[in-house]
Each structure stands twice: as C-alpha cells, then as structure tokens.
C-alpha cells in the first residue's frame, strides 16, 4: 500500500463503529484546525517577514553606530 493510504484505510475501518465515528470526527476537526492554521500563517507570514526585516535592519544600524 503506498505511503499515506494507510491513514485513509485506518479511518475507513475505524468508522464502522461508534468509536470509529468519534475517531472520524476528531480527524475532521483536526483537519479543519490545520487548514485554518495554515491560512492564518500564510496571511501573517508576509507581515512577520517584513517586521523581521525591519528589526534586522535596525539592529545592523545600531551595531554599526
């Protein structure tokens, strides 16, 4: 079985009972949290990069003074 497919197979097997339904719900919530986190980090990434660039520039000015 190719890499990554075992996760899907495990979720399918586990989803056949009540415990599996809970596992599937947790997996869906975790996936949603991951997507939201990725989106937020991408949105803030540019701002953080600019801020770190300014800090670096200011530190260089202070060190060269």
PDB file of N, CA and C in Angstrom:
ATOM      1  N   UNK A   1       0.854  -1.174   0.000  1.00  0.00           N
ATOM      2  CA  UNK A   1       0.000   0.000   0.000  1.00  0.00           C
ATOM      3  C   UNK A   1       0.904   1.243   0.000  1.00  0.00           C
ATOM      4  N   UNK A   2       0.677   2.224  -0.886  1.00  0.00           N
ATOM      5  CA  UNK A   2       1.507   3.421  -0.945  1.00  0.00           C
ATOM      6  C   UNK A   2       1.436   4.227   0.349  1.00  0.00           C
ATOM      7  N   UNK A   3       2.455   4.996   0.590  1.00  0.00           N
ATOM      8  CA  UNK A   3       2.528   5.821   1.786  1.00  0.00           C
ATOM      9  C   UNK A   3       1.345   6.776   1.834  1.00  0.00           C
ATOM     10  N   UNK A   4       0.753   6.913   3.001  1.00  0.00           N
ATOM     11  CA  UNK A   4      -0.368   7.828   3.183  1.00  0.00           C
ATOM     12  C   UNK A   4      -1.723   7.151   3.046  1.00  0.00           C
ATOM     13  N   UNK A   5      -1.799   6.097   2.273  1.00  0.00           N
ATOM     14  CA  UNK A   5      -3.078   5.413   2.094  1.00  0.00           C
ATOM     15  C   UNK A   5      -3.482   4.645   3.348  1.00  0.00           C
ATOM     16  N   UNK A   6      -2.510   4.278   4.180  1.00  0.00           N
ATOM     17  CA  UNK A   6      -2.833   3.553   5.408  1.00  0.00           C
ATOM     18  C   UNK A   6      -3.674   4.407   6.333  1.00  0.00           C
ATOM     19  N   UNK A   7      -3.494   5.731   6.304  1.00  0.00           N
ATOM     20  CA  UNK A   7      -4.291   6.625   7.147  1.00  0.00           C
ATOM     21  C   UNK A   7      -5.751   6.559   6.708  1.00  0.00           C
ATOM     22  N   UNK A   8      -5.966   6.660   5.411  1.00  0.00           N
ATOM     23  CA  UNK A   8      -7.323   6.596   4.880  1.00  0.00           C
ATOM     24  C   UNK A   8      -7.967   5.248   5.200  1.00  0.00           C
ATOM     25  N   UNK A   9      -7.214   4.169   5.014  1.00  0.00           N
ATOM     26  CA  UNK A   9      -7.735   2.822   5.292  1.00  0.00           C
ATOM     27  C   UNK A   9      -8.070   2.669   6.767  1.00  0.00           C
ATOM     28  N   UNK A  10      -7.239   3.218   7.642  1.00  0.00           N
ATOM     29  CA  UNK A  10      -7.487   3.133   9.082  1.00  0.00           C
ATOM     30  C   UNK A  10      -8.744   3.897   9.456  1.00  0.00           C
ATOM     31  N   UNK A  11      -8.924   5.076   8.878  1.00  0.00           N
ATOM     32  CA  UNK A  11     -10.115   5.872   9.174  1.00  0.00           C
ATOM     33  C   UNK A  11     -11.364   5.152   8.690  1.00  0.00           C
ATOM     34  N   UNK A  12     -11.294   4.552   7.509  1.00  0.00           N
ATOM     35  CA  UNK A  12     -12.454   3.823   6.980  1.00  0.00           C
ATOM     36  C   UNK A  12     -12.798   2.633   7.883  1.00  0.00           C
ATOM     37  N   UNK A  13     -11.774   1.865   8.265  1.00  0.00           N
ATOM     38  CA  UNK A  13     -12.006   0.714   9.140  1.00  0.00           C
ATOM     39  C   UNK A  13     -12.558   1.153  10.478  1.00  0.00           C
ATOM     40  N   UNK A  14     -12.032   2.227  11.014  1.00  0.00           N
ATOM     41  CA  UNK A  14     -12.444   2.690  12.330  1.00  0.00           C
ATOM     42  C   UNK A  14     -13.834   3.320  12.310  1.00  0.00           C
ATOM     43  N   UNK A  15     -14.269   3.805  11.167  1.00  0.00           N
ATOM     44  CA  UNK A  15     -15.552   4.500  11.097  1.00  0.00           C
ATOM     45  C   UNK A  15     -16.742   3.555  11.082  1.00  0.00           C
ATOM     46  N   UNK A  16     -16.515   2.270  11.222  1.00  0.00           N
ATOM     47  CA  UNK A  16     -17.612   1.296  11.168  1.00  0.00           C
ATOM     48  C   UNK A  16     -18.361   1.160  12.488  1.00  0.00           C
ATOM     49  N   UNK A  17     -17.821   1.666  13.578  1.00  0.00           N
ATOM     50  CA  UNK A  17     -18.474   1.583  14.878  1.00  0.00           C
ATOM     51  C   UNK A  17     -18.588   2.953  15.500  1.00  0.00           C
ATOM     52  N   UNK A  18     -19.163   2.993  16.711  1.00  0.00           N
ATOM     53  CA  UNK A  18     -19.314   4.279  17.387  1.00  0.00           C
ATOM     54  C   UNK A  18     -17.962   4.878  17.710  1.00  0.00           C
ATOM     55  N   UNK A  19     -17.020   4.055  18.145  1.00  0.00           N
ATOM     56  CA  UNK A  19     -15.683   4.565  18.444  1.00  0.00           C
ATOM     57  C   UNK A  19     -15.046   5.111  17.167  1.00  0.00           C
ATOM     58  N   UNK A  20     -15.298   4.442  16.052  1.00  0.00           N
ATOM     59  CA  UNK A  20     -14.773   4.893  14.773  1.00  0.00           C
ATOM     60  C   UNK A  20     -15.371   6.221  14.353  1.00  0.00           C
ATOM     61  N   UNK A  21     -16.645   6.427  14.671  1.00  0.00           N
ATOM     62  CA  UNK A  21     -17.286   7.699  14.347  1.00  0.00           C
ATOM     63  C   UNK A  21     -16.636   8.829  15.130  1.00  0.00           C
ATOM     64  N   UNK A  22     -16.332   8.571  16.385  1.00  0.00           N
ATOM     65  CA  UNK A  22     -15.658   9.589  17.191  1.00  0.00           C
ATOM     66  C   UNK A  22     -14.274   9.874  16.616  1.00  0.00           C
ATOM     67  N   UNK A  23     -13.568   8.826  16.203  1.00  0.00           N
ATOM     68  CA  UNK A  23     -12.242   8.996  15.609  1.00  0.00           C
ATOM     69  C   UNK A  23     -12.340   9.817  14.332  1.00  0.00           C
ATOM     70  N   UNK A  24     -13.334   9.538  13.523  1.00  0.00           N
ATOM     71  CA  UNK A  24     -13.522  10.278  12.281  1.00  0.00           C
ATOM     72  C   UNK A  24     -13.846  11.741  12.570  1.00  0.00           C
ATOM     73  N   UNK A  25     -14.659  11.986  13.567  1.00  0.00           N
ATOM     74  CA  UNK A  25     -14.982  13.369  13.935  1.00  0.00           C
ATOM     75  C   UNK A  25     -13.737  14.110  14.398  1.00  0.00           C
ATOM     76  N   UNK A  26     -12.916  13.459  15.214  1.00  0.00           N
ATOM     77  CA  UNK A  26     -11.667  14.079  15.664  1.00  0.00           C
ATOM     78  C   UNK A  26     -10.751  14.357  14.478  1.00  0.00           C
ATOM     79  N   UNK A  27     -10.687  13.438  13.534  1.00  0.00           N
ATOM     80  CA  UNK A  27      -9.841  13.625  12.354  1.00  0.00           C
ATOM     81  C   UNK A  27     -10.335  14.816  11.528  1.00  0.00           C
ATOM     82  N   UNK A  28     -11.637  14.943  11.376  1.00  0.00           N
ATOM     83  CA  UNK A  28     -12.190  16.071  10.624  1.00  0.00           C
ATOM     84  C   UNK A  28     -11.926  17.400  11.322  1.00  0.00           C
ATOM     85  N   UNK A  29     -12.098  17.422  12.644  1.00  0.00           N
ATOM     86  CA  UNK A  29     -11.831  18.650  13.400  1.00  0.00           C
ATOM     87  C   UNK A  29     -10.352  19.007  13.311  1.00  0.00           C
ATOM     88  N   UNK A  30      -9.483  18.009  13.441  1.00  0.00           N
ATOM     89  CA  UNK A  30      -8.047  18.256  13.343  1.00  0.00           C
ATOM     90  C   UNK A  30      -7.681  18.788  11.959  1.00  0.00           C
ATOM     91  N   UNK A  31      -8.282  18.238  10.919  1.00  0.00           N
ATOM     92  CA  UNK A  31      -8.046  18.721   9.564  1.00  0.00           C
ATOM     93  C   UNK A  31      -8.503  20.159   9.389  1.00  0.00           C
ATOM     94  N   UNK A  32      -9.653  20.490   9.950  1.00  0.00           N
ATOM     95  CA  UNK A  32     -10.166  21.857   9.872  1.00  0.00           C
ATOM     96  C   UNK A  32      -9.246  22.829  10.600  1.00  0.00           C
ATOM     97  N   UNK A  33      -8.787  22.439  11.788  1.00  0.00           N
ATOM     98  CA  UNK A  33      -7.861  23.285  12.541  1.00  0.00           C
ATOM     99  C   UNK A  33      -6.568  23.479  11.753  1.00  0.00           C
ATOM    100  N   UNK A  34      -6.082  22.425  11.123  1.00  0.00           N
ATOM    101  CA  UNK A  34      -4.853  22.530  10.331  1.00  0.00           C
ATOM    102  C   UNK A  34      -5.040  23.498   9.170  1.00  0.00           C
ATOM    103  N   UNK A  35      -6.167  23.418   8.475  1.00  0.00           N
ATOM    104  CA  UNK A  35      -6.429  24.327   7.353  1.00  0.00           C
ATOM    105  C   UNK A  35      -6.518  25.782   7.813  1.00  0.00           C
ATOM    106  N   UNK A  36      -7.186  26.004   8.925  1.00  0.00           N
ATOM    107  CA  UNK A  36      -7.305  27.367   9.449  1.00  0.00           C
ATOM    108  C   UNK A  36      -5.934  27.891   9.856  1.00  0.00           C
ATOM    109  N   UNK A  37      -5.155  27.052  10.518  1.00  0.00           N
ATOM    110  CA  UNK A  37      -3.813  27.457  10.953  1.00  0.00           C
ATOM    111  C   UNK A  37      -2.932  27.804   9.758  1.00  0.00           C
ATOM    112  N   UNK A  38      -2.979  26.984   8.725  1.00  0.00           N
ATOM    113  CA  UNK A  38      -2.189  27.251   7.522  1.00  0.00           C
ATOM    114  C   UNK A  38      -2.611  28.576   6.887  1.00  0.00           C
ATOM    115  N   UNK A  39      -3.902  28.808   6.805  1.00  0.00           N
ATOM    116  CA  UNK A  39      -4.398  30.062   6.231  1.00  0.00           C
ATOM    117  C   UNK A  39      -3.954  31.272   7.022  1.00  0.00           C
ATOM    118  N   UNK A  40      -4.044  31.197   8.340  1.00  0.00           N
ATOM    119  CA  UNK A  40      -3.637  32.317   9.191  1.00  0.00           C
ATOM    120  C   UNK A  40      -2.136  32.559   9.057  1.00  0.00           C
ATOM    121  N   UNK A  41      -1.345  31.486   9.073  1.00  0.00           N
ATOM    122  CA  UNK A  41       0.108  31.643   8.958  1.00  0.00           C
ATOM    123  C   UNK A  41       0.505  32.224   7.605  1.00  0.00           C
ATOM    124  N   UNK A  42      -0.202  31.832   6.553  1.00  0.00           N
ATOM    125  CA  UNK A  42       0.102  32.405   5.241  1.00  0.00           C
ATOM    126  C   UNK A  42      -0.255  33.886   5.205  1.00  0.00           C
ATOM    127  N   UNK A  43      -1.366  34.247   5.817  1.00  0.00           N
ATOM    128  CA  UNK A  43      -1.780  35.649   5.831  1.00  0.00           C
ATOM    129  C   UNK A  43      -0.823  36.512   6.650  1.00  0.00           C
ATOM    130  N   UNK A  44      -0.354  35.971   7.763  1.00  0.00           N
ATOM    131  CA  UNK A  44       0.534  36.732   8.634  1.00  0.00           C
ATOM    132  C   UNK A  44       1.996  36.622   8.218  1.00  0.00           C
ATOM    133  N   UNK A  45       2.321  35.649   7.409  1.00  0.00           N
ATOM    134  CA  UNK A  45       3.713  35.408   7.035  1.00  0.00           C
ATOM    135  C   UNK A  45       4.387  36.607   6.415  1.00  0.00           C
ATOM    136  N   UNK A  46       3.700  37.291   5.530  1.00  0.00           N
ATOM    137  CA  UNK A  46       4.271  38.464   4.868  1.00  0.00           C
ATOM    138  C   UNK A  46       4.521  39.573   5.875  1.00  0.00           C
ATOM    139  N   UNK A  47       3.572  39.788   6.767  1.00  0.00           N
ATOM    140  CA  UNK A  47       3.739  40.831   7.789  1.00  0.00           C
ATOM    141  C   UNK A  47       4.897  40.511   8.721  1.00  0.00           C
ATOM    142  N   UNK A  48       4.989  39.266   9.141  1.00  0.00           N
ATOM    143  CA  UNK A  48       6.060  38.855  10.041  1.00  0.00           C
ATOM    144  C   UNK A  48       7.402  38.993   9.342  1.00  0.00           C
ATOM    145  N   UNK A  49       7.460  38.604   8.084  1.00  0.00           N
ATOM    146  CA  UNK A  49       8.699  38.716   7.324  1.00  0.00           C
ATOM    147  C   UNK A  49       9.149  40.169   7.226  1.00  0.00           C
ATOM    148  N   UNK A  50       8.234  41.072   6.955  1.00  0.00           N
ATOM    149  CA  UNK A  50       8.562  42.499   6.873  1.00  0.00           C
ATOM    150  C   UNK A  50       9.042  43.045   8.201  1.00  0.00           C
ATOM    151  N   UNK A  51       8.377  42.645   9.265  1.00  0.00           N
ATOM    152  CA  UNK A  51       8.759  43.098  10.609  1.00  0.00           C
ATOM    153  C   UNK A  51      10.153  42.601  10.970  1.00  0.00           C
ATOM    154  N   UNK A  52      10.434  41.336  10.693  1.00  0.00           N
ATOM    155  CA  UNK A  52      11.764  40.792  10.990  1.00  0.00           C
ATOM    156  C   UNK A  52      12.834  41.477  10.152  1.00  0.00           C
ATOM    157  N   UNK A  53      12.507  41.840   8.929  1.00  0.00           N
ATOM    158  CA  UNK A  53      13.437  42.576   8.081  1.00  0.00           C
ATOM    159  C   UNK A  53      13.763  43.945   8.669  1.00  0.00           C
ATOM    160  N   UNK A  54      12.740  44.619   9.192  1.00  0.00           N
ATOM    161  CA  UNK A  54      12.952  45.928   9.826  1.00  0.00           C
ATOM    162  C   UNK A  54      13.802  45.795  11.085  1.00  0.00           C
ATOM    163  N   UNK A  55      13.524  44.786  11.884  1.00  0.00           N
ATOM    164  CA  UNK A  55      14.305  44.558  13.102  1.00  0.00           C
ATOM    165  C   UNK A  55      15.753  44.304  12.744  1.00  0.00           C
ATOM    166  N   UNK A  56      15.981  43.473  11.747  1.00  0.00           N
ATOM    167  CA  UNK A  56      17.344  43.174  11.310  1.00  0.00           C
ATOM    168  C   UNK A  56      18.057  44.434  10.829  1.00  0.00           C
ATOM    169  N   UNK A  57      17.373  45.238  10.063  1.00  0.00           N
ATOM    170  CA  UNK A  57      17.945  46.482   9.556  1.00  0.00           C
ATOM    171  C   UNK A  57      18.293  47.427  10.703  1.00  0.00           C
ATOM    172  N   UNK A  58      17.390  47.554  11.664  1.00  0.00           N
ATOM    173  CA  UNK A  58      17.632  48.425  12.814  1.00  0.00           C
ATOM    174  C   UNK A  58      18.791  47.920  13.665  1.00  0.00           C
ATOM    175  N   UNK A  59      18.892  46.607  13.825  1.00  0.00           N
ATOM    176  CA  UNK A  59      19.998  46.049  14.610  1.00  0.00           C
ATOM    177  C   UNK A  59      21.326  46.303  13.911  1.00  0.00           C
ATOM    178  N   UNK A  60      21.343  46.216  12.595  1.00  0.00           N
ATOM    179  CA  UNK A  60      22.566  46.482  11.835  1.00  0.00           C
ATOM    180  C   UNK A  60      22.980  47.933  12.000  1.00  0.00           C
ATOM    181  N   UNK A  61      22.001  48.849  11.973  1.00  0.00           N
ATOM    182  CA  UNK A  61      22.295  50.274  12.165  1.00  0.00           C
ATOM    183  C   UNK A  61      22.883  50.513  13.556  1.00  0.00           C
ATOM    184  N   UNK A  62      22.311  49.883  14.567  1.00  0.00           N
ATOM    185  CA  UNK A  62      22.792  50.060  15.946  1.00  0.00           C
ATOM    186  C   UNK A  62      24.200  49.503  16.089  1.00  0.00           C
ATOM    187  N   UNK A  63      24.452  48.351  15.514  1.00  0.00           N
ATOM    188  CA  UNK A  63      25.778  47.730  15.625  1.00  0.00           C
ATOM    189  C   UNK A  63      26.849  48.523  14.884  1.00  0.00           C
ATOM    190  N   UNK A  64      26.460  49.200  13.802  1.00  0.00           N
ATOM    191  CA  UNK A  64      27.417  49.972  13.021  1.00  0.00           C
ATOM    192  C   UNK A  64      27.621  51.381  13.561  1.00  0.00           C
ATOM    193  N   UNK A  65      26.848  51.779  14.554  1.00  0.00           N
ATOM    194  CA  UNK A  65      26.953  53.143  15.106  1.00  0.00           C
ATOM    195  C   UNK A  65      28.149  53.274  16.023  1.00  0.00           C
TER     196      UNK A  65
END
